[in-house]
Amino acid sequence: MNSVRERVLREIVTRLASAIAPTPVQRMPAVPVTREASPALLLFVDGDSITAHANHLVDRLLIVRLAVVARGADAFDVADQALVAAHAAMLADPNLGGLAIAVREIDCEWEFDDADSGAVALPARYEIRYRTHAIDLTQTG
């Protein structure tokens, strides 16, 4: 069985893909998004830390970053609309089907690249609080 962390990430990808279809969701892409492949929503893991130990349980904090990449004259509108849908999907069920304790938005920022035909990247970060057993990462706590 996969770890709770991996199951959380897969649940997020599933929810995002459904919310922003037909825009593709790419998890931790290894290469930049091409002009032809945009718009796209990219999912990155910025970190996973331990926040507390209690009895045989471990509280964890997973930070994920979504980045909508769009190009063209309407890039800001496209990126904003995709992020609005992604945000709604992230917060629709803050327990992610029982895998998480809570999902919370951290921040959002705009990036514009004049050198790449008006490419816009709209990143937003979220923290996912979840709990595992101390000796079994596959079990929620």
Protein backbone atom coordinates (compact mmCIF):
# COMPACT_ATOMS: atom_id res chain seq x y z
CA MET A 1 0.00 0.00 0.00
CA ASN A 2 1.21 3.53 -0.74
CA SER A 3 2.00 6.04 1.97
CA VAL A 4 -0.66 8.48 3.13
CA ARG A 5 1.41 11.26 1.51
CA GLU A 6 1.31 9.56 -1.89
CA ARG A 7 -2.40 8.87 -1.57
CA VAL A 8 -3.00 12.54 -0.68
CA LEU A 9 -1.06 13.66 -3.76
CA ARG A 10 -2.95 11.25 -6.01
CA GLU A 11 -6.26 12.49 -4.60
CA ILE A 12 -5.23 16.09 -5.31
CA VAL A 13 -4.28 15.23 -8.91
CA THR A 14 -7.62 13.46 -9.42
CA ARG A 15 -9.60 16.41 -8.04
CA LEU A 16 -7.64 18.98 -10.03
CA ALA A 17 -7.88 17.02 -13.28
CA SER A 18 -11.64 16.79 -12.89
CA ALA A 19 -12.00 20.48 -11.98
CA ILE A 20 -9.98 21.98 -14.82
CA ALA A 21 -10.52 19.50 -17.66
CA PRO A 22 -9.54 19.61 -20.48
CA THR A 23 -6.51 21.54 -19.19
CA PRO A 24 -3.88 18.92 -18.28
CA VAL A 25 -2.45 18.48 -14.78
CA GLN A 26 1.24 17.56 -14.64
CA ARG A 27 2.77 16.32 -11.42
CA MET A 28 6.37 17.42 -10.86
CA PRO A 29 7.18 17.93 -14.55
CA ALA A 30 10.84 17.39 -15.40
CA VAL A 31 10.85 19.72 -18.41
CA PRO A 32 9.30 23.16 -18.98
CA VAL A 33 5.81 23.36 -20.46
CA THR A 34 6.01 24.06 -24.19
CA ARG A 35 3.93 26.73 -25.90
CA GLU A 36 1.83 24.03 -27.51
CA ALA A 37 1.17 22.31 -24.17
CA SER A 38 -0.13 25.39 -22.41
CA PRO A 39 -2.30 26.13 -20.62
CA ALA A 40 -1.39 23.52 -18.04
CA LEU A 41 -1.57 23.14 -14.30
CA LEU A 42 1.62 21.95 -12.63
CA LEU A 43 1.70 20.34 -9.20
CA PHE A 44 4.88 20.50 -7.13
CA VAL A 45 5.65 19.31 -3.60
CA ASP A 46 7.54 22.04 -1.75
CA GLY A 47 8.06 20.04 1.42
CA ASP A 48 6.73 17.59 3.97
CA SER A 49 7.58 18.14 7.61
CA ILE A 50 6.74 16.71 10.99
CA THR A 51 4.90 19.14 13.26
CA ALA A 52 4.18 16.97 16.32
CA HIS A 53 4.53 13.54 17.90
CA ALA A 54 1.81 12.26 20.22
CA ASN A 55 1.69 8.70 21.47
CA HIS A 56 2.29 6.59 18.34
CA LEU A 57 1.01 9.24 15.92
CA VAL A 58 2.89 11.82 13.85
CA ASP A 59 1.32 15.07 12.64
CA ARG A 60 2.66 16.13 9.27
CA LEU A 61 2.50 19.22 7.08
CA LEU A 62 2.68 18.77 3.31
CA ILE A 63 3.19 21.93 1.24
CA VAL A 64 2.06 21.75 -2.38
CA ARG A 65 2.38 24.41 -5.05
CA LEU A 66 0.08 24.66 -8.01
CA ALA A 67 1.24 26.71 -10.99
CA VAL A 68 -1.02 27.49 -13.91
CA VAL A 69 1.03 28.25 -17.02
CA ALA A 70 -0.68 30.10 -19.87
CA ARG A 71 0.44 32.10 -22.89
CA GLY A 72 -1.09 34.58 -25.27
CA ALA A 73 -3.22 37.70 -25.19
CA ASP A 74 -5.69 36.21 -22.69
CA ALA A 75 -3.07 34.42 -20.55
CA PHE A 76 -4.00 36.24 -17.33
CA ASP A 77 -7.68 35.36 -17.76
CA VAL A 78 -6.94 31.73 -18.63
CA ALA A 79 -4.56 31.32 -15.68
CA ASP A 80 -6.94 33.01 -13.26
CA GLN A 81 -9.95 30.94 -14.32
CA ALA A 82 -7.98 27.69 -14.05
CA LEU A 83 -6.69 28.66 -10.60
CA VAL A 84 -10.22 29.59 -9.44
CA ALA A 85 -11.42 26.09 -10.43
CA ALA A 86 -8.35 24.42 -8.89
CA HIS A 87 -8.79 26.36 -5.65
CA ALA A 88 -12.43 25.29 -5.39
CA ALA A 89 -11.40 21.67 -5.96
CA MET A 90 -8.66 21.86 -3.31
CA LEU A 91 -11.00 23.27 -0.66
CA ALA A 92 -14.25 21.46 -1.57
CA ASP A 93 -13.42 18.65 0.86
CA PRO A 94 -10.71 19.83 3.28
CA ASN A 95 -10.30 16.26 4.55
CA LEU A 96 -9.54 14.88 1.07
CA GLY A 97 -11.83 11.93 1.55
CA GLY A 98 -10.53 11.15 5.04
CA LEU A 99 -6.81 11.30 4.17
CA ALA A 100 -6.13 14.74 5.63
CA ILE A 101 -6.95 16.74 8.73
CA ALA A 102 -7.18 20.04 6.83
CA VAL A 103 -6.28 21.87 3.63
CA ARG A 104 -5.44 25.57 3.80
CA GLU A 105 -4.34 28.12 1.21
CA ILE A 106 -1.01 29.80 2.04
CA ASP A 107 -0.39 32.33 -0.73
CA CYS A 108 -0.57 33.16 -4.42
CA GLU A 109 1.60 35.31 -6.69
CA TRP A 110 1.70 36.41 -10.33
CA GLU A 111 4.67 35.96 -12.63
CA PHE A 112 4.94 37.37 -16.14
CA ASP A 113 7.72 36.59 -18.62
CA ASP A 114 8.01 39.06 -21.50
CA ALA A 115 10.77 36.96 -23.07
CA ASP A 116 8.43 34.02 -23.66
CA SER A 117 5.63 35.57 -25.71
CA GLY A 118 3.74 36.78 -22.68
CA ALA A 119 3.90 33.62 -20.61
CA VAL A 120 2.04 33.84 -17.32
CA ALA A 121 2.64 31.54 -14.37
CA LEU A 122 0.19 31.82 -11.51
CA PRO A 123 1.46 29.84 -8.50
CA ALA A 124 -0.61 29.17 -5.40
CA ARG A 125 0.56 27.23 -2.36
CA TYR A 126 -1.46 25.07 0.01
CA GLU A 127 -0.66 23.24 3.21
CA ILE A 128 -2.17 19.84 3.86
CA ARG A 129 -2.15 18.67 7.46
CA TYR A 130 -2.32 14.91 7.87
CA ARG A 131 -1.44 12.28 10.45
CA THR A 132 0.26 8.89 10.21
CA HIS A 133 1.26 6.18 12.61
CA ALA A 134 4.85 6.60 13.75
CA ILE A 135 5.99 3.23 12.40
CA ASP A 136 3.61 2.81 9.46
CA LEU A 137 3.42 5.58 6.85
CA THR A 138 0.51 3.83 5.12
CA GLN A 139 -1.87 4.24 8.07
CA THR A 140 -3.74 7.44 8.88
CA GLY A 141 -3.94 8.43 12.51
